[in-house]
């Protein structure tokens, strides 16, 4: 078994594997594959967008996403930004979401 370094943050693993072999498949979704390089670029792009919007360390970011690659990008982008991803159920209705914030 390969020696895997121990990192403090989840996104460190993504960067490690993307640097090791960016063309290796990281996610298989349906009939498509997303490589570690693509995964890292997408997560980095989203992390940059979150930072541009003013999201910072310790902020909470609600996510209403189905189980798709975008969900994984969001979790890693939040980790890179230092904010806290708060997954919400995609089956919530607008009336249920108003308990969290006014829509």
N, C-alpha and C. Protein backbone atom coordinates (compact mmCIF):
# COMPACT_ATOMS: atom_id res chain seq x y z
N UNK A 1 0.85 -1.18 0.00
CA UNK A 1 0.00 0.00 0.00
C UNK A 1 0.89 1.24 0.00
N UNK A 2 0.49 2.23 -0.77
CA UNK A 2 1.28 3.46 -0.89
C UNK A 2 1.23 4.26 0.41
N UNK A 3 2.34 4.92 0.69
CA UNK A 3 2.37 5.81 1.85
C UNK A 3 1.65 7.10 1.48
N UNK A 4 0.65 7.42 2.25
CA UNK A 4 -0.11 8.65 2.03
C UNK A 4 0.23 9.60 3.17
N UNK A 5 0.72 10.78 2.83
CA UNK A 5 1.06 11.73 3.89
C UNK A 5 -0.19 12.16 4.67
N UNK A 6 0.04 12.60 5.89
CA UNK A 6 -1.05 13.08 6.71
C UNK A 6 -1.09 14.60 6.64
N UNK A 7 -2.24 15.13 6.28
CA UNK A 7 -2.40 16.58 6.15
C UNK A 7 -3.43 17.08 7.16
N UNK A 8 -3.37 18.38 7.41
CA UNK A 8 -4.30 18.99 8.36
C UNK A 8 -5.66 19.31 7.76
N UNK A 9 -5.70 19.58 6.46
CA UNK A 9 -6.95 20.01 5.83
C UNK A 9 -7.28 19.13 4.64
N UNK A 10 -8.55 18.95 4.40
CA UNK A 10 -9.03 18.11 3.31
C UNK A 10 -8.47 18.55 1.96
N UNK A 11 -8.42 19.86 1.73
CA UNK A 11 -7.96 20.35 0.43
C UNK A 11 -6.49 20.04 0.17
N UNK A 12 -5.71 19.82 1.22
CA UNK A 12 -4.31 19.44 1.03
C UNK A 12 -4.21 18.11 0.28
N UNK A 13 -5.14 17.20 0.56
CA UNK A 13 -5.13 15.91 -0.15
C UNK A 13 -5.42 16.11 -1.63
N UNK A 14 -6.37 16.97 -1.95
CA UNK A 14 -6.68 17.25 -3.35
C UNK A 14 -5.45 17.82 -4.06
N UNK A 15 -4.81 18.80 -3.45
CA UNK A 15 -3.61 19.39 -4.05
C UNK A 15 -2.50 18.35 -4.21
N UNK A 16 -2.34 17.50 -3.20
CA UNK A 16 -1.30 16.48 -3.24
C UNK A 16 -1.51 15.53 -4.43
N UNK A 17 -2.72 15.01 -4.56
CA UNK A 17 -2.99 14.06 -5.64
C UNK A 17 -3.00 14.74 -7.00
N UNK A 18 -3.44 15.98 -7.09
CA UNK A 18 -3.40 16.70 -8.36
C UNK A 18 -1.96 16.96 -8.79
N UNK A 19 -1.10 17.28 -7.84
CA UNK A 19 0.32 17.48 -8.15
C UNK A 19 1.00 16.17 -8.53
N UNK A 20 0.58 15.08 -7.91
CA UNK A 20 1.18 13.77 -8.15
C UNK A 20 0.84 13.25 -9.56
N UNK A 21 -0.44 13.35 -9.95
CA UNK A 21 -0.87 12.91 -11.28
C UNK A 21 -2.20 13.59 -11.61
N UNK A 22 -2.10 14.74 -12.27
CA UNK A 22 -3.31 15.53 -12.53
C UNK A 22 -4.28 14.85 -13.49
N UNK A 23 -3.84 13.85 -14.22
CA UNK A 23 -4.70 13.17 -15.18
C UNK A 23 -5.38 11.92 -14.61
N UNK A 24 -5.09 11.60 -13.35
CA UNK A 24 -5.69 10.43 -12.74
C UNK A 24 -7.15 10.72 -12.41
N UNK A 25 -8.06 9.78 -12.67
CA UNK A 25 -9.48 10.02 -12.38
C UNK A 25 -9.74 10.18 -10.88
N UNK A 26 -10.40 11.25 -10.52
CA UNK A 26 -10.75 11.50 -9.12
C UNK A 26 -12.21 11.17 -8.86
N UNK A 27 -13.07 11.49 -9.82
CA UNK A 27 -14.50 11.29 -9.67
C UNK A 27 -15.04 10.62 -10.92
N UNK A 28 -15.83 9.60 -10.72
CA UNK A 28 -16.57 8.99 -11.82
C UNK A 28 -18.04 9.29 -11.56
N UNK A 29 -18.67 9.95 -12.52
CA UNK A 29 -20.06 10.34 -12.36
C UNK A 29 -20.79 9.96 -13.65
N UNK A 30 -21.66 9.00 -13.55
CA UNK A 30 -22.32 8.51 -14.75
C UNK A 30 -21.28 7.94 -15.69
N UNK A 31 -21.30 8.42 -16.92
CA UNK A 31 -20.32 7.93 -17.90
C UNK A 31 -19.11 8.85 -18.02
N UNK A 32 -19.03 9.86 -17.18
CA UNK A 32 -17.91 10.80 -17.28
C UNK A 32 -16.93 10.63 -16.12
N UNK A 33 -15.71 11.08 -16.37
CA UNK A 33 -14.66 11.07 -15.35
C UNK A 33 -14.10 12.48 -15.20
N UNK A 34 -13.79 12.83 -13.97
CA UNK A 34 -13.16 14.11 -13.68
C UNK A 34 -11.81 13.80 -13.07
N UNK A 35 -10.77 14.35 -13.66
CA UNK A 35 -9.42 14.08 -13.17
C UNK A 35 -9.12 14.94 -11.94
N UNK A 36 -8.05 14.57 -11.25
CA UNK A 36 -7.63 15.37 -10.10
C UNK A 36 -7.28 16.80 -10.52
N UNK A 37 -6.68 16.96 -11.69
CA UNK A 37 -6.37 18.30 -12.18
C UNK A 37 -7.61 19.14 -12.39
N UNK A 38 -8.64 18.56 -13.02
CA UNK A 38 -9.90 19.27 -13.24
C UNK A 38 -10.58 19.58 -11.90
N UNK A 39 -10.57 18.59 -11.02
CA UNK A 39 -11.18 18.75 -9.70
C UNK A 39 -10.53 19.92 -8.97
N UNK A 40 -9.20 19.95 -8.96
CA UNK A 40 -8.46 21.03 -8.28
C UNK A 40 -8.75 22.37 -8.91
N UNK A 41 -8.73 22.45 -10.25
CA UNK A 41 -9.02 23.73 -10.93
C UNK A 41 -10.42 24.22 -10.60
N UNK A 42 -11.40 23.33 -10.61
CA UNK A 42 -12.78 23.73 -10.31
C UNK A 42 -12.93 24.19 -8.86
N UNK A 43 -12.32 23.46 -7.94
CA UNK A 43 -12.38 23.85 -6.53
C UNK A 43 -11.65 25.17 -6.29
N UNK A 44 -10.49 25.36 -6.93
CA UNK A 44 -9.73 26.61 -6.79
C UNK A 44 -10.51 27.79 -7.36
N UNK A 45 -11.16 27.59 -8.51
CA UNK A 45 -11.95 28.66 -9.12
C UNK A 45 -13.10 29.07 -8.20
N UNK A 46 -13.79 28.08 -7.65
CA UNK A 46 -14.90 28.38 -6.74
C UNK A 46 -14.39 29.02 -5.45
N UNK A 47 -13.26 28.57 -4.93
CA UNK A 47 -12.68 29.18 -3.72
C UNK A 47 -12.36 30.65 -3.98
N UNK A 48 -11.81 30.94 -5.16
CA UNK A 48 -11.52 32.33 -5.52
C UNK A 48 -12.77 33.17 -5.61
N UNK A 49 -13.84 32.59 -6.18
CA UNK A 49 -15.11 33.31 -6.29
C UNK A 49 -15.70 33.59 -4.91
N UNK A 50 -15.62 32.61 -4.02
CA UNK A 50 -16.11 32.82 -2.65
C UNK A 50 -15.34 33.94 -1.97
N UNK A 51 -14.02 33.94 -2.13
CA UNK A 51 -13.19 34.98 -1.52
C UNK A 51 -13.53 36.35 -2.11
N UNK A 52 -13.75 36.43 -3.41
CA UNK A 52 -14.12 37.70 -4.05
C UNK A 52 -15.46 38.21 -3.53
N UNK A 53 -16.35 37.29 -3.16
CA UNK A 53 -17.65 37.69 -2.62
C UNK A 53 -17.55 38.10 -1.15
N UNK A 54 -16.36 37.97 -0.57
CA UNK A 54 -16.17 38.39 0.81
C UNK A 54 -16.29 37.27 1.82
N UNK A 55 -16.43 36.04 1.37
CA UNK A 55 -16.50 34.90 2.29
C UNK A 55 -15.12 34.70 2.89
N UNK A 56 -15.09 34.56 4.21
CA UNK A 56 -13.80 34.43 4.88
C UNK A 56 -13.82 33.30 5.90
N UNK A 57 -12.68 33.07 6.51
CA UNK A 57 -12.51 32.02 7.49
C UNK A 57 -13.59 32.09 8.56
N UNK A 58 -14.26 30.97 8.79
CA UNK A 58 -15.28 30.89 9.83
C UNK A 58 -16.68 31.21 9.37
N UNK A 59 -16.84 31.83 8.20
CA UNK A 59 -18.18 32.10 7.67
C UNK A 59 -18.87 30.78 7.32
N UNK A 60 -20.19 30.80 7.33
CA UNK A 60 -20.96 29.63 6.94
C UNK A 60 -21.52 29.85 5.54
N UNK A 61 -21.43 28.81 4.71
CA UNK A 61 -21.95 28.87 3.35
C UNK A 61 -22.96 27.75 3.19
N UNK A 62 -24.24 28.12 3.04
CA UNK A 62 -25.28 27.11 2.84
C UNK A 62 -25.19 26.58 1.42
N UNK A 63 -25.27 25.28 1.30
CA UNK A 63 -25.23 24.64 -0.01
C UNK A 63 -26.50 23.82 -0.19
N UNK A 64 -27.16 24.06 -1.30
CA UNK A 64 -28.35 23.27 -1.65
C UNK A 64 -28.02 22.62 -2.98
N UNK A 65 -27.30 21.50 -2.90
CA UNK A 65 -26.80 20.84 -4.10
C UNK A 65 -27.09 19.34 -4.04
N UNK A 66 -27.46 18.76 -5.18
CA UNK A 66 -27.60 17.31 -5.21
C UNK A 66 -26.22 16.65 -5.20
N UNK A 67 -26.19 15.35 -5.04
CA UNK A 67 -24.92 14.62 -5.03
C UNK A 67 -24.37 14.53 -6.45
N UNK A 68 -23.66 15.56 -6.83
CA UNK A 68 -23.03 15.67 -8.14
C UNK A 68 -21.61 16.17 -7.91
N UNK A 69 -20.76 16.18 -8.92
CA UNK A 69 -19.40 16.69 -8.74
C UNK A 69 -19.35 18.10 -8.17
N UNK A 70 -20.32 18.93 -8.50
CA UNK A 70 -20.34 20.30 -7.99
C UNK A 70 -20.41 20.34 -6.46
N UNK A 71 -21.03 19.34 -5.88
CA UNK A 71 -21.09 19.24 -4.42
C UNK A 71 -19.68 19.05 -3.86
N UNK A 72 -18.91 18.17 -4.47
CA UNK A 72 -17.54 17.93 -4.02
C UNK A 72 -16.67 19.18 -4.22
N UNK A 73 -16.84 19.87 -5.35
CA UNK A 73 -16.08 21.11 -5.59
C UNK A 73 -16.37 22.12 -4.48
N UNK A 74 -17.64 22.22 -4.13
CA UNK A 74 -18.06 23.20 -3.12
C UNK A 74 -17.45 22.87 -1.76
N UNK A 75 -17.48 21.61 -1.36
CA UNK A 75 -16.90 21.23 -0.07
C UNK A 75 -15.41 21.55 -0.01
N UNK A 76 -14.69 21.24 -1.09
CA UNK A 76 -13.24 21.51 -1.12
C UNK A 76 -12.97 23.00 -1.22
N UNK A 77 -13.78 23.74 -1.96
CA UNK A 77 -13.60 25.19 -2.06
C UNK A 77 -13.83 25.85 -0.71
N UNK A 78 -14.82 25.39 0.02
CA UNK A 78 -15.06 25.93 1.36
C UNK A 78 -13.88 25.61 2.27
N UNK A 79 -13.35 24.41 2.17
CA UNK A 79 -12.19 24.04 2.98
C UNK A 79 -11.01 24.95 2.65
N UNK A 80 -10.78 25.21 1.36
CA UNK A 80 -9.67 26.08 0.96
C UNK A 80 -9.87 27.51 1.46
N UNK A 81 -11.10 27.97 1.49
CA UNK A 81 -11.40 29.33 1.91
C UNK A 81 -11.43 29.47 3.43
N UNK A 82 -11.61 28.34 4.11
CA UNK A 82 -11.69 28.38 5.57
C UNK A 82 -13.10 28.57 6.08
N UNK A 83 -14.05 28.62 5.16
CA UNK A 83 -15.44 28.77 5.59
C UNK A 83 -16.04 27.39 5.85
N UNK A 84 -17.22 27.38 6.39
CA UNK A 84 -17.87 26.14 6.80
C UNK A 84 -19.03 25.87 5.86
N UNK A 85 -18.96 24.75 5.13
CA UNK A 85 -20.05 24.36 4.25
C UNK A 85 -21.19 23.81 5.11
N UNK A 86 -22.39 24.30 4.86
CA UNK A 86 -23.57 23.85 5.58
C UNK A 86 -24.51 23.21 4.55
N UNK A 87 -24.41 21.88 4.39
CA UNK A 87 -25.26 21.23 3.39
C UNK A 87 -26.72 21.26 3.80
N UNK A 88 -27.56 21.60 2.84
CA UNK A 88 -29.00 21.64 3.05
C UNK A 88 -29.62 20.59 2.13
N UNK A 89 -30.73 20.05 2.52
CA UNK A 89 -31.40 19.02 1.74
C UNK A 89 -32.03 19.64 0.49
N UNK A 90 -31.74 19.07 -0.66
CA UNK A 90 -32.28 19.62 -1.92
C UNK A 90 -33.79 19.46 -1.99
N UNK A 91 -34.36 18.64 -1.12
CA UNK A 91 -35.81 18.45 -1.14
C UNK A 91 -36.55 19.49 -0.29
N UNK A 92 -35.81 20.38 0.39
CA UNK A 92 -36.47 21.44 1.15
C UNK A 92 -37.31 22.29 0.20
N UNK A 93 -38.42 22.74 0.72
CA UNK A 93 -39.26 23.67 -0.02
C UNK A 93 -38.98 25.07 0.49
N UNK A 94 -39.39 26.06 -0.26
CA UNK A 94 -39.13 27.45 0.11
C UNK A 94 -39.63 27.74 1.53
N UNK A 95 -40.80 27.24 1.87
CA UNK A 95 -41.36 27.49 3.21
C UNK A 95 -40.47 26.92 4.30
N UNK A 96 -39.83 25.79 4.05
CA UNK A 96 -38.95 25.19 5.04
C UNK A 96 -37.65 25.98 5.17
N UNK A 97 -37.18 26.53 4.07
CA UNK A 97 -35.93 27.29 4.10
C UNK A 97 -36.10 28.63 4.83
N UNK A 98 -37.30 29.16 4.88
CA UNK A 98 -37.50 30.44 5.57
C UNK A 98 -37.24 30.32 7.07
N UNK A 99 -37.18 29.09 7.59
CA UNK A 99 -36.82 28.90 8.99
C UNK A 99 -35.34 29.25 9.21
N UNK A 100 -34.54 29.19 8.14
CA UNK A 100 -33.10 29.48 8.25
C UNK A 100 -32.80 30.94 7.93
N UNK A 101 -33.45 31.49 6.94
CA UNK A 101 -33.25 32.89 6.54
C UNK A 101 -34.44 33.31 5.68
N UNK A 102 -34.72 34.60 5.64
CA UNK A 102 -35.84 35.06 4.80
C UNK A 102 -35.50 34.95 3.32
N UNK A 103 -36.39 34.37 2.53
CA UNK A 103 -36.17 34.22 1.08
C UNK A 103 -36.77 35.37 0.31
